N, C-alpha and C. Protein backbone atom coordinates (compact mmCIF):
# COMPACT_ATOMS: atom_id res chain seq x y z
N UNK A 1 0.89 -1.24 -0.01
CA UNK A 1 0.07 -0.11 0.12
C UNK A 1 0.86 1.32 -0.07
N UNK A 2 1.67 1.54 0.90
CA UNK A 2 2.49 2.34 1.13
C UNK A 2 3.52 2.65 -0.13
N UNK A 3 4.11 1.52 -0.52
CA UNK A 3 5.02 1.65 -1.68
C UNK A 3 4.31 2.40 -2.95
N UNK A 4 3.07 1.98 -3.29
CA UNK A 4 2.28 2.64 -4.19
C UNK A 4 2.15 4.22 -4.23
N UNK A 5 1.90 4.47 -2.87
CA UNK A 5 1.98 6.14 -2.68
C UNK A 5 3.32 6.74 -2.72
N UNK A 6 4.52 5.91 -2.39
CA UNK A 6 5.98 6.30 -2.27
C UNK A 6 6.09 6.46 -3.82
N UNK A 7 6.11 5.68 -4.79
CA UNK A 7 6.45 5.69 -6.03
C UNK A 7 5.68 6.96 -6.79
N UNK A 8 4.39 7.05 -6.60
CA UNK A 8 3.61 7.96 -7.25
C UNK A 8 4.21 9.55 -6.80
N UNK A 9 4.42 9.46 -5.51
CA UNK A 9 4.64 10.85 -4.98
C UNK A 9 5.95 11.26 -5.58
N UNK A 10 7.14 10.26 -5.62
CA UNK A 10 8.33 10.62 -6.12
C UNK A 10 8.10 10.95 -7.66
N UNK A 11 7.39 10.35 -8.47
CA UNK A 11 7.20 10.67 -9.81
C UNK A 11 6.61 11.81 -9.77
N UNK A 12 5.56 12.27 -8.92
CA UNK A 12 4.84 13.54 -9.14
C UNK A 12 5.97 14.77 -8.59
N UNK A 13 6.56 14.53 -7.64
CA UNK A 13 7.52 15.63 -7.18
C UNK A 13 8.67 15.79 -8.26
N UNK A 14 9.19 14.88 -9.03
CA UNK A 14 10.21 15.00 -9.74
C UNK A 14 9.70 15.77 -11.08
N UNK A 15 8.52 15.48 -11.52
CA UNK A 15 8.09 16.00 -12.82
C UNK A 15 7.42 17.46 -12.51
N UNK A 16 6.89 17.75 -11.28
CA UNK A 16 6.66 18.97 -10.82
C UNK A 16 7.99 19.98 -10.77
N UNK A 17 9.02 19.40 -10.30
CA UNK A 17 10.39 20.01 -10.22
C UNK A 17 10.89 20.37 -11.51
N UNK A 18 11.04 19.44 -12.33
CA UNK A 18 11.79 19.44 -13.40
C UNK A 18 11.45 18.68 -14.66
N UNK A 19 10.14 18.26 -14.70
CA UNK A 19 9.76 17.48 -15.93
C UNK A 19 10.20 16.13 -15.97
N UNK A 20 9.77 15.40 -16.93
CA UNK A 20 10.18 14.01 -17.04
C UNK A 20 11.76 13.84 -17.32
N UNK A 21 12.32 14.80 -17.89
CA UNK A 21 13.82 14.72 -17.83
C UNK A 21 14.40 14.45 -16.55
N UNK A 22 13.90 15.41 -15.69
CA UNK A 22 14.58 15.30 -14.20
C UNK A 22 14.19 13.92 -13.64
N UNK A 23 12.91 13.49 -13.91
CA UNK A 23 12.50 12.31 -13.36
C UNK A 23 13.46 11.03 -13.82
N UNK A 24 13.79 11.06 -15.09
CA UNK A 24 14.60 9.99 -15.58
C UNK A 24 16.13 10.26 -15.29
N UNK A 25 16.53 11.51 -15.28
CA UNK A 25 17.97 11.72 -14.62
C UNK A 25 18.39 11.42 -13.35
N UNK A 26 17.22 11.52 -12.39
CA UNK A 26 17.43 11.19 -11.18
C UNK A 26 17.15 9.62 -10.71
N UNK A 27 17.37 9.29 -9.66
CA UNK A 27 17.29 7.88 -9.36
C UNK A 27 15.82 7.25 -9.45
N UNK A 28 15.00 8.07 -9.24
CA UNK A 28 13.56 7.75 -9.06
C UNK A 28 13.28 7.13 -10.60
N UNK A 29 13.67 7.55 -11.69
CA UNK A 29 13.36 7.17 -12.97
C UNK A 29 13.92 5.87 -13.23
N UNK A 30 14.83 5.18 -12.34
CA UNK A 30 15.08 3.80 -12.55
C UNK A 30 14.00 2.92 -12.29
N UNK A 31 13.04 3.33 -11.42
CA UNK A 31 11.94 2.65 -11.15
C UNK A 31 10.61 2.97 -11.95
N UNK A 32 10.80 3.42 -13.17
CA UNK A 32 9.67 3.75 -13.86
C UNK A 32 8.60 2.55 -13.93
N UNK A 33 8.99 1.47 -14.36
CA UNK A 33 8.19 0.37 -14.63
C UNK A 33 7.21 0.15 -13.17
N UNK A 34 8.01 -0.05 -12.25
CA UNK A 34 7.17 -0.04 -10.83
C UNK A 34 6.34 1.02 -10.63
N UNK A 35 6.70 2.10 -11.07
CA UNK A 35 5.94 3.48 -10.85
C UNK A 35 4.64 3.35 -11.84
N UNK A 36 4.92 2.76 -12.90
CA UNK A 36 3.66 2.75 -14.06
C UNK A 36 2.66 1.80 -13.34
N UNK A 37 3.10 0.74 -12.78
CA UNK A 37 2.04 -0.01 -12.10
C UNK A 37 1.34 0.41 -10.60
N UNK A 38 2.08 1.48 -10.02
CA UNK A 38 1.76 2.13 -8.84
C UNK A 38 0.40 3.02 -9.46
N UNK A 39 0.77 3.73 -10.37
CA UNK A 39 -0.20 4.68 -10.90
C UNK A 39 -1.54 3.96 -11.48
N UNK A 40 -1.22 2.94 -12.01
CA UNK A 40 -2.59 2.12 -12.27
C UNK A 40 -3.17 1.74 -11.03
N UNK A 41 -2.45 1.24 -9.96
CA UNK A 41 -3.38 1.10 -8.68
C UNK A 41 -4.15 2.29 -8.16
N UNK A 42 -3.56 3.64 -8.56
CA UNK A 42 -4.27 4.89 -7.98
C UNK A 42 -5.21 5.23 -9.03
N UNK A 43 -5.29 4.66 -10.10
CA UNK A 43 -6.39 5.14 -11.14
C UNK A 43 -5.69 6.17 -11.90
N UNK A 44 -4.59 6.45 -11.84
CA UNK A 44 -3.92 7.50 -12.85
C UNK A 44 -3.31 6.88 -13.95
N UNK A 45 -4.59 6.55 -14.88
CA UNK A 45 -4.37 6.04 -16.15
C UNK A 45 -3.49 7.09 -17.27
N UNK A 46 -4.17 8.30 -17.19
CA UNK A 46 -3.47 9.23 -18.22
C UNK A 46 -2.03 9.44 -17.74
N UNK A 47 -1.80 9.64 -16.53
CA UNK A 47 -0.39 9.89 -16.11
C UNK A 47 0.47 8.72 -16.50
N UNK A 48 -0.01 7.62 -16.26
CA UNK A 48 0.72 6.46 -16.61
C UNK A 48 1.10 6.36 -18.11
N UNK A 49 -0.09 6.70 -19.05
CA UNK A 49 0.26 6.74 -20.42
C UNK A 49 1.26 7.62 -21.05
N UNK A 50 1.17 8.81 -20.03
CA UNK A 50 2.50 9.80 -20.18
C UNK A 50 3.73 9.33 -19.84
N UNK A 51 3.73 8.70 -18.88
CA UNK A 51 5.07 8.13 -18.23
C UNK A 51 5.46 6.95 -19.13
N UNK A 52 4.60 5.98 -19.68
CA UNK A 52 5.15 5.09 -20.75
C UNK A 52 5.86 5.60 -22.04
N UNK A 53 4.89 6.83 -22.33
CA UNK A 53 5.50 7.44 -23.65
C UNK A 53 6.81 8.12 -23.15
N UNK A 54 7.00 8.55 -22.26
CA UNK A 54 8.27 9.17 -21.95
C UNK A 54 9.37 8.16 -21.83
N UNK A 55 9.13 7.22 -21.22
CA UNK A 55 10.04 6.17 -21.01
C UNK A 55 10.51 5.44 -22.58
N UNK A 56 9.53 5.44 -23.38
CA UNK A 56 9.94 5.05 -24.87
C UNK A 56 10.75 6.09 -25.33
N UNK A 57 10.63 7.34 -25.26
CA UNK A 57 11.30 8.44 -25.75
C UNK A 57 12.81 8.21 -25.14
N UNK A 58 12.89 8.14 -23.87
CA UNK A 58 14.26 8.09 -23.03
C UNK A 58 14.98 6.95 -23.77
N UNK A 59 14.30 5.75 -24.22
CA UNK A 59 14.90 4.75 -24.77
C UNK A 59 15.63 5.07 -26.31
N UNK A 60 14.81 5.90 -27.00
CA UNK A 60 14.93 6.29 -28.28
C UNK A 60 16.11 7.37 -28.35
N UNK A 61 15.95 8.35 -27.32
CA UNK A 61 16.84 9.45 -27.44
C UNK A 61 17.72 9.33 -26.20
N UNK A 62 18.88 10.04 -26.23
CA UNK A 62 19.58 10.13 -25.00
C UNK A 62 19.25 11.55 -24.52
N UNK A 63 19.23 11.56 -23.05
CA UNK A 63 19.05 12.79 -22.28
C UNK A 63 20.24 13.72 -22.47
N UNK A 64 20.06 14.86 -22.05
CA UNK A 64 21.06 15.85 -21.78
C UNK A 64 22.16 15.46 -20.60
N UNK A 65 23.25 16.03 -20.54
CA UNK A 65 23.94 15.61 -19.83
C UNK A 65 23.92 16.29 -18.48
N UNK A 66 24.51 16.06 -17.25
CA UNK A 66 24.24 16.77 -16.06
C UNK A 66 25.60 17.71 -16.04
N UNK A 67 25.09 18.91 -15.65
CA UNK A 67 25.99 20.02 -15.28
C UNK A 67 26.48 19.84 -13.92
N UNK A 68 27.84 19.23 -13.64
CA UNK A 68 28.19 18.79 -12.42
C UNK A 68 28.54 19.98 -11.60
N UNK A 69 28.75 21.21 -12.23
CA UNK A 69 28.90 22.26 -11.23
C UNK A 69 27.70 22.81 -10.32
N UNK A 70 26.50 22.33 -10.91
CA UNK A 70 25.35 22.79 -10.33
C UNK A 70 24.48 21.56 -9.80
N UNK A 71 24.95 20.42 -10.38
CA UNK A 71 24.31 19.20 -10.15
C UNK A 71 23.01 19.21 -10.58
N UNK A 72 22.76 19.84 -11.62
CA UNK A 72 21.39 20.06 -12.14
C UNK A 72 21.42 19.53 -13.84
N UNK A 73 20.43 19.17 -14.17
CA UNK A 73 20.46 18.68 -15.61
C UNK A 73 20.45 19.72 -16.39
N UNK A 74 21.23 19.78 -17.75
CA UNK A 74 21.27 20.83 -18.60
C UNK A 74 20.44 20.41 -19.57
N UNK A 75 19.05 21.11 -19.45
CA UNK A 75 18.02 20.53 -20.16
C UNK A 75 17.82 21.39 -21.61
N UNK A 76 17.83 20.73 -22.68
CA UNK A 76 17.70 21.57 -24.16
C UNK A 76 16.24 22.05 -24.07
N UNK A 77 16.31 23.27 -24.69
CA UNK A 77 14.92 23.91 -24.73
C UNK A 77 14.02 22.99 -25.72
N UNK A 78 14.55 22.32 -26.70
CA UNK A 78 13.86 21.30 -27.74
C UNK A 78 13.98 20.10 -26.95
N UNK A 79 13.61 19.67 -25.70
CA UNK A 79 13.76 18.48 -24.95
C UNK A 79 12.61 17.61 -25.71
N UNK A 80 13.10 16.16 -25.84
CA UNK A 80 12.24 15.44 -26.53
C UNK A 80 11.09 14.99 -25.76
N UNK A 81 10.88 15.28 -24.43
CA UNK A 81 9.88 15.17 -23.39
C UNK A 81 9.09 16.41 -23.11
N UNK A 82 9.41 17.61 -23.63
CA UNK A 82 8.58 18.84 -23.23
C UNK A 82 7.11 18.79 -23.61
N UNK A 83 6.63 18.05 -24.75
CA UNK A 83 5.14 17.97 -24.94
C UNK A 83 4.61 16.91 -23.90
N UNK A 84 5.24 15.93 -23.51
CA UNK A 84 4.67 15.07 -22.47
C UNK A 84 4.52 15.99 -21.10
N UNK A 85 5.63 16.52 -20.80
CA UNK A 85 5.47 17.48 -19.49
C UNK A 85 4.23 18.44 -19.52
N UNK A 86 3.98 19.12 -20.76
CA UNK A 86 2.75 20.01 -20.85
C UNK A 86 1.49 19.09 -20.68
N UNK A 87 1.34 18.18 -21.30
CA UNK A 87 0.34 17.11 -21.19
C UNK A 87 0.00 16.78 -19.74
N UNK A 88 1.19 16.33 -19.11
CA UNK A 88 1.03 15.86 -17.82
C UNK A 88 0.43 16.88 -16.86
N UNK A 89 0.73 17.97 -17.06
CA UNK A 89 0.59 19.26 -16.11
C UNK A 89 -1.34 19.54 -16.34
N UNK A 90 -1.79 19.23 -17.58
CA UNK A 90 -3.08 19.23 -17.90
C UNK A 90 -4.13 18.29 -17.27
N UNK A 91 -3.33 17.07 -16.83
CA UNK A 91 -4.30 15.93 -16.47
C UNK A 91 -5.01 16.33 -15.13
N UNK A 92 -6.27 15.91 -15.31
CA UNK A 92 -7.24 15.99 -13.97
C UNK A 92 -7.73 14.72 -13.77
N UNK A 93 -8.04 14.23 -12.62
CA UNK A 93 -7.40 14.52 -11.39
C UNK A 93 -5.81 14.42 -11.17
N UNK A 94 -5.46 15.26 -10.51
CA UNK A 94 -3.97 15.26 -10.34
C UNK A 94 -3.46 14.05 -9.53
N UNK A 95 -2.27 13.74 -9.57
CA UNK A 95 -1.65 12.61 -8.77
C UNK A 95 -1.86 12.90 -7.17
N UNK A 96 -1.64 14.22 -6.93
CA UNK A 96 -2.10 14.48 -5.57
C UNK A 96 -3.33 14.25 -5.08
N UNK A 97 -4.45 14.63 -5.99
CA UNK A 97 -5.77 14.33 -5.82
C UNK A 97 -5.93 12.59 -5.66
N UNK A 98 -5.36 12.01 -6.51
CA UNK A 98 -5.46 10.38 -6.31
C UNK A 98 -4.89 9.93 -5.22
N UNK A 99 -3.63 10.52 -4.78
CA UNK A 99 -3.16 10.13 -3.44
C UNK A 99 -3.99 10.31 -2.32
N UNK A 100 -4.66 11.54 -2.17
CA UNK A 100 -5.57 11.81 -1.39
C UNK A 100 -6.76 10.75 -1.10
N UNK A 101 -7.44 10.47 -2.47
CA UNK A 101 -8.33 9.31 -2.58
C UNK A 101 -7.73 7.97 -1.89
N UNK A 102 -6.49 7.77 -2.36
CA UNK A 102 -5.83 6.37 -1.86
C UNK A 102 -5.70 6.41 -0.35
N UNK A 103 -5.25 7.49 0.08
CA UNK A 103 -4.94 7.74 1.65
C UNK A 103 -6.42 7.50 2.38
N UNK A 104 -7.46 8.25 1.93
CA UNK A 104 -8.84 8.09 2.52
C UNK A 104 -9.33 6.56 2.56
N UNK A 105 -8.86 5.84 1.40
CA UNK A 105 -9.51 4.67 1.24
C UNK A 105 -8.71 3.49 1.97
N UNK A 106 -7.49 3.71 2.28
CA UNK A 106 -6.53 2.87 3.05
C UNK A 106 -6.01 3.53 4.17
N UNK A 107 -6.79 4.27 4.89
CA UNK A 107 -5.99 5.03 6.05
C UNK A 107 -5.47 4.47 7.14
N UNK A 108 -6.02 3.15 7.45
CA UNK A 108 -5.39 2.52 8.65
C UNK A 108 -4.11 1.92 8.13
N UNK A 109 -3.68 1.70 6.86
CA UNK A 109 -2.61 1.30 6.39
C UNK A 109 -1.35 2.10 6.26
N UNK A 110 -1.81 3.56 6.63
CA UNK A 110 -0.75 4.58 6.62
C UNK A 110 -0.79 5.07 8.05
N UNK A 111 -1.80 5.06 8.81
CA UNK A 111 -1.87 5.97 10.07
C UNK A 111 -2.55 5.07 11.05
N UNK A 112 -2.05 4.96 12.16
CA UNK A 112 -2.47 4.37 13.36
C UNK A 112 -2.95 5.39 14.62
N UNK A 113 -4.15 5.25 14.72
CA UNK A 113 -4.81 6.04 15.76
C UNK A 113 -4.68 5.40 17.00
N UNK A 114 -3.69 5.96 18.01
CA UNK A 114 -3.78 5.37 19.49
C UNK A 114 -4.60 6.23 20.48
N UNK A 115 -5.35 5.48 21.09
CA UNK A 115 -6.32 6.29 21.83
C UNK A 115 -5.68 6.57 23.12
N UNK A 116 -4.93 5.73 23.74
CA UNK A 116 -4.34 5.98 25.02
C UNK A 116 -2.95 6.18 25.12
N UNK A 117 -2.38 7.28 25.75
CA UNK A 117 -1.08 7.53 25.70
C UNK A 117 -0.30 6.80 26.92
N UNK A 118 0.88 6.20 26.50
CA UNK A 118 1.74 5.59 27.40
C UNK A 118 2.43 6.66 28.27
N UNK A 119 2.49 6.82 29.47
CA UNK A 119 3.14 7.64 30.20
C UNK A 119 4.25 6.87 31.17
């Protein structure tokens, strides 16, 4: 249960921060297949389709090099993933919305409510 949320949250955070290029350049991108499964569990089919398309492009094209002075990707303006980033931002419900639903549906798997406090 928590692994699904963990992978989806990492994917969402990386794409929010720097697009799919950042996701694949960072270590989270190594788990894209597992993340794709997690998105399916969440009901994020559209985001999953975008992730699958991004992965196919990453295989077909090489991503830009890392600028080690700043430890940031030097992303070309004409990134082969730019259109997928834009499509991802337009998807509703967002991954955040779907994660909230997932938490609501599996609350006890994430949070334990303790009624009495040990003193």
